[in-house]
Amino acid sequence: MTEQREMYHEISTLLGHLAAALEMSAERVAHLLEAGDLDLRMDTDEEGRPFIEAAHGAAPNRVVARVYRDTVFRARETPASPPDEPT
């Protein structure tokens, strides 16, 4: 029973961090996860620190955030600029 409570606490904590990172309620994050509308990816940064990357929305309003154990970094993705036409 203790393992289930610990897992519940960890999931609640993660939902809270994702909500803060994406600037929305934990309930909204849970709904997006259930609907498959929130992209999550586990990775390691250049310094070897593990993080979860959360992304939501479509360009130009796509929000991307890295959630570390104690920190959140946000980045806004923008579509690539088309190459200049030769003159």
N, C-alpha and C. Protein backbone atom coordinates (compact mmCIF):
# COMPACT_ATOMS: atom_id res chain seq x y z
N MET A 1 0.82 -1.20 0.00
CA MET A 1 0.00 0.00 0.00
C MET A 1 0.86 1.26 0.00
N THR A 2 2.00 1.20 0.66
CA THR A 2 2.88 2.36 0.72
C THR A 2 3.39 2.74 -0.66
N GLU A 3 3.74 1.74 -1.50
CA GLU A 3 4.24 2.03 -2.84
C GLU A 3 3.19 2.76 -3.66
N GLN A 4 1.93 2.39 -3.54
CA GLN A 4 0.86 3.06 -4.28
C GLN A 4 0.74 4.51 -3.83
N ARG A 5 0.84 4.76 -2.54
CA ARG A 5 0.76 6.13 -2.04
C ARG A 5 1.94 6.96 -2.52
N GLU A 6 3.14 6.35 -2.52
CA GLU A 6 4.31 7.06 -3.00
C GLU A 6 4.17 7.40 -4.47
N MET A 7 3.68 6.45 -5.27
CA MET A 7 3.49 6.69 -6.70
C MET A 7 2.44 7.79 -6.91
N TYR A 8 1.36 7.76 -6.15
CA TYR A 8 0.33 8.79 -6.25
C TYR A 8 0.93 10.15 -5.94
N HIS A 9 1.76 10.22 -4.90
CA HIS A 9 2.40 11.49 -4.53
C HIS A 9 3.33 11.96 -5.66
N GLU A 10 4.11 11.05 -6.23
CA GLU A 10 5.02 11.41 -7.32
C GLU A 10 4.26 11.91 -8.55
N ILE A 11 3.17 11.25 -8.88
CA ILE A 11 2.36 11.67 -10.03
C ILE A 11 1.74 13.03 -9.76
N SER A 12 1.23 13.24 -8.57
CA SER A 12 0.64 14.54 -8.22
C SER A 12 1.69 15.65 -8.28
N THR A 13 2.89 15.35 -7.80
CA THR A 13 3.98 16.33 -7.85
C THR A 13 4.32 16.65 -9.30
N LEU A 14 4.44 15.62 -10.14
CA LEU A 14 4.74 15.84 -11.55
C LEU A 14 3.66 16.68 -12.22
N LEU A 15 2.39 16.37 -11.97
CA LEU A 15 1.30 17.16 -12.55
C LEU A 15 1.41 18.62 -12.10
N GLY A 16 1.75 18.85 -10.85
CA GLY A 16 1.90 20.21 -10.35
C GLY A 16 3.04 20.94 -11.04
N HIS A 17 4.17 20.25 -11.24
CA HIS A 17 5.31 20.88 -11.93
C HIS A 17 4.97 21.16 -13.40
N LEU A 18 4.30 20.21 -14.05
CA LEU A 18 3.90 20.43 -15.45
C LEU A 18 2.92 21.61 -15.54
N ALA A 19 1.99 21.68 -14.61
CA ALA A 19 1.03 22.78 -14.61
C ALA A 19 1.74 24.13 -14.46
N ALA A 20 2.70 24.19 -13.55
CA ALA A 20 3.45 25.43 -13.36
C ALA A 20 4.25 25.77 -14.61
N ALA A 21 4.88 24.77 -15.21
CA ALA A 21 5.71 24.99 -16.39
C ALA A 21 4.88 25.48 -17.57
N LEU A 22 3.68 24.94 -17.71
CA LEU A 22 2.82 25.29 -18.85
C LEU A 22 1.81 26.37 -18.51
N GLU A 23 1.87 26.86 -17.28
CA GLU A 23 1.00 27.95 -16.81
C GLU A 23 -0.48 27.61 -16.99
N MET A 24 -0.87 26.44 -16.46
CA MET A 24 -2.27 26.02 -16.48
C MET A 24 -2.54 25.18 -15.24
N SER A 25 -3.79 24.85 -15.00
CA SER A 25 -4.14 24.08 -13.82
C SER A 25 -3.70 22.61 -13.98
N ALA A 26 -3.51 21.95 -12.84
CA ALA A 26 -3.16 20.53 -12.85
C ALA A 26 -4.29 19.71 -13.49
N GLU A 27 -5.53 20.13 -13.29
CA GLU A 27 -6.66 19.43 -13.90
C GLU A 27 -6.61 19.52 -15.41
N ARG A 28 -6.23 20.69 -15.92
CA ARG A 28 -6.10 20.88 -17.37
C ARG A 28 -4.97 20.00 -17.92
N VAL A 29 -3.85 19.94 -17.21
CA VAL A 29 -2.73 19.09 -17.62
C VAL A 29 -3.18 17.63 -17.66
N ALA A 30 -3.90 17.19 -16.64
CA ALA A 30 -4.38 15.80 -16.61
C ALA A 30 -5.30 15.53 -17.80
N HIS A 31 -6.18 16.49 -18.10
CA HIS A 31 -7.09 16.33 -19.25
C HIS A 31 -6.30 16.23 -20.56
N LEU A 32 -5.30 17.10 -20.73
CA LEU A 32 -4.48 17.06 -21.95
C LEU A 32 -3.73 15.74 -22.07
N LEU A 33 -3.22 15.24 -20.95
CA LEU A 33 -2.54 13.94 -20.97
C LEU A 33 -3.48 12.82 -21.38
N GLU A 34 -4.67 12.81 -20.79
CA GLU A 34 -5.66 11.78 -21.11
C GLU A 34 -6.07 11.84 -22.57
N ALA A 35 -6.12 13.03 -23.14
CA ALA A 35 -6.54 13.21 -24.53
C ALA A 35 -5.38 13.02 -25.51
N GLY A 36 -4.16 12.88 -25.01
CA GLY A 36 -3.00 12.73 -25.88
C GLY A 36 -2.55 14.03 -26.52
N ASP A 37 -2.92 15.16 -25.91
CA ASP A 37 -2.60 16.47 -26.47
C ASP A 37 -1.41 17.16 -25.80
N LEU A 38 -0.71 16.42 -24.96
CA LEU A 38 0.47 16.96 -24.30
C LEU A 38 1.63 16.01 -24.59
N ASP A 39 2.66 16.55 -25.19
CA ASP A 39 3.83 15.75 -25.53
C ASP A 39 4.81 15.77 -24.37
N LEU A 40 5.19 14.57 -23.89
CA LEU A 40 6.17 14.44 -22.83
C LEU A 40 7.33 13.60 -23.34
N ARG A 41 8.53 14.02 -22.97
CA ARG A 41 9.73 13.29 -23.39
C ARG A 41 10.76 13.39 -22.29
N MET A 42 11.33 12.26 -21.91
CA MET A 42 12.41 12.26 -20.92
C MET A 42 13.73 12.36 -21.66
N ASP A 43 14.65 13.18 -21.10
CA ASP A 43 15.94 13.39 -21.76
C ASP A 43 16.96 13.81 -20.70
N THR A 44 18.17 14.01 -21.15
CA THR A 44 19.26 14.48 -20.29
C THR A 44 19.90 15.68 -20.98
N ASP A 45 20.15 16.73 -20.22
CA ASP A 45 20.73 17.93 -20.83
C ASP A 45 22.24 17.78 -21.03
N GLU A 46 22.86 18.85 -21.51
CA GLU A 46 24.27 18.86 -21.83
C GLU A 46 25.15 18.60 -20.61
N GLU A 47 24.63 18.88 -19.44
CA GLU A 47 25.39 18.69 -18.20
C GLU A 47 25.07 17.36 -17.53
N GLY A 48 24.27 16.52 -18.21
CA GLY A 48 23.95 15.20 -17.67
C GLY A 48 22.79 15.17 -16.69
N ARG A 49 22.05 16.27 -16.58
CA ARG A 49 20.92 16.32 -15.65
C ARG A 49 19.66 15.84 -16.36
N PRO A 50 18.93 14.90 -15.76
CA PRO A 50 17.70 14.42 -16.37
C PRO A 50 16.58 15.46 -16.26
N PHE A 51 15.72 15.49 -17.28
CA PHE A 51 14.56 16.39 -17.26
C PHE A 51 13.44 15.76 -18.06
N ILE A 52 12.25 16.31 -17.88
CA ILE A 52 11.09 15.95 -18.71
C ILE A 52 10.76 17.17 -19.54
N GLU A 53 10.71 16.98 -20.85
CA GLU A 53 10.30 18.07 -21.74
C GLU A 53 8.81 17.94 -21.98
N ALA A 54 8.09 19.01 -21.74
CA ALA A 54 6.65 19.04 -21.97
C ALA A 54 6.37 20.06 -23.06
N ALA A 55 5.55 19.68 -24.02
CA ALA A 55 5.20 20.58 -25.11
C ALA A 55 3.70 20.51 -25.36
N HIS A 56 3.14 21.68 -25.65
CA HIS A 56 1.70 21.77 -25.88
C HIS A 56 1.41 22.89 -26.87
N GLY A 57 0.44 22.65 -27.73
CA GLY A 57 0.00 23.68 -28.67
C GLY A 57 0.68 23.55 -30.01
N ALA A 58 0.31 24.44 -30.91
CA ALA A 58 0.86 24.46 -32.27
C ALA A 58 1.54 25.79 -32.52
N ALA A 59 2.50 25.78 -33.43
CA ALA A 59 3.21 27.01 -33.80
C ALA A 59 2.21 28.03 -34.31
N PRO A 60 2.33 29.28 -34.02
CA PRO A 60 3.43 29.94 -33.32
C PRO A 60 3.23 30.01 -31.80
N ASN A 61 2.19 29.38 -31.28
CA ASN A 61 1.90 29.46 -29.85
C ASN A 61 2.32 28.22 -29.08
N ARG A 62 3.14 27.37 -29.66
CA ARG A 62 3.58 26.15 -29.00
C ARG A 62 4.47 26.52 -27.80
N VAL A 63 4.17 25.91 -26.67
CA VAL A 63 4.93 26.15 -25.46
C VAL A 63 5.72 24.89 -25.14
N VAL A 64 7.02 25.06 -24.91
CA VAL A 64 7.90 23.95 -24.56
C VAL A 64 8.57 24.28 -23.25
N ALA A 65 8.60 23.33 -22.33
CA ALA A 65 9.23 23.56 -21.03
C ALA A 65 10.03 22.33 -20.63
N ARG A 66 11.13 22.57 -19.97
CA ARG A 66 11.91 21.49 -19.37
C ARG A 66 11.65 21.51 -17.88
N VAL A 67 11.23 20.38 -17.36
CA VAL A 67 10.95 20.26 -15.93
C VAL A 67 12.05 19.41 -15.30
N TYR A 68 12.87 20.06 -14.48
CA TYR A 68 13.91 19.38 -13.73
C TYR A 68 13.37 19.07 -12.34
N ARG A 69 14.13 18.38 -11.57
CA ARG A 69 13.69 18.02 -10.22
C ARG A 69 13.32 19.26 -9.41
N ASP A 70 14.10 20.33 -9.51
CA ASP A 70 13.86 21.52 -8.70
C ASP A 70 13.66 22.80 -9.51
N THR A 71 13.61 22.69 -10.83
CA THR A 71 13.59 23.89 -11.67
C THR A 71 12.73 23.66 -12.91
N VAL A 72 12.20 24.73 -13.44
CA VAL A 72 11.45 24.70 -14.70
C VAL A 72 12.06 25.73 -15.63
N PHE A 73 12.35 25.32 -16.86
CA PHE A 73 12.81 26.24 -17.90
C PHE A 73 11.78 26.25 -19.00
N ARG A 74 11.38 27.44 -19.44
CA ARG A 74 10.41 27.56 -20.52
C ARG A 74 11.10 28.07 -21.77
N ALA A 75 10.60 27.61 -22.92
CA ALA A 75 11.08 28.10 -24.22
C ALA A 75 9.88 28.12 -25.14
N ARG A 76 9.78 29.14 -25.94
CA ARG A 76 8.69 29.22 -26.91
C ARG A 76 9.26 28.86 -28.28
N GLU A 77 8.70 27.82 -28.89
CA GLU A 77 9.16 27.43 -30.21
C GLU A 77 8.55 28.35 -31.25
N THR A 78 9.34 28.71 -32.22
CA THR A 78 8.83 29.51 -33.32
C THR A 78 9.14 28.77 -34.61
N PRO A 79 8.30 28.89 -35.59
CA PRO A 79 8.57 28.19 -36.85
C PRO A 79 9.82 28.76 -37.51
N ALA A 80 10.51 27.89 -38.22
CA ALA A 80 11.72 28.33 -38.93
C ALA A 80 11.35 29.34 -40.00
N SER A 81 12.20 30.33 -40.19
CA SER A 81 11.97 31.32 -41.24
C SER A 81 12.28 30.70 -42.60
N PRO A 82 11.47 31.00 -43.61
CA PRO A 82 11.78 30.48 -44.92
C PRO A 82 13.05 31.11 -45.45
N PRO A 83 13.81 30.38 -46.26
CA PRO A 83 15.05 30.95 -46.79
C PRO A 83 14.73 32.15 -47.67
N ASP A 84 15.66 33.09 -47.73
CA ASP A 84 15.49 34.27 -48.58
C ASP A 84 15.52 33.85 -50.04
N GLU A 85 14.69 34.51 -50.82
CA GLU A 85 14.66 34.24 -52.27
C GLU A 85 15.89 34.90 -52.89
N PRO A 86 16.56 34.22 -53.82
CA PRO A 86 17.68 34.89 -54.51
C PRO A 86 17.17 36.05 -55.34
N THR A 87 17.96 37.11 -55.40
CA THR A 87 17.52 38.28 -56.19
C THR A 87 18.30 38.41 -57.46
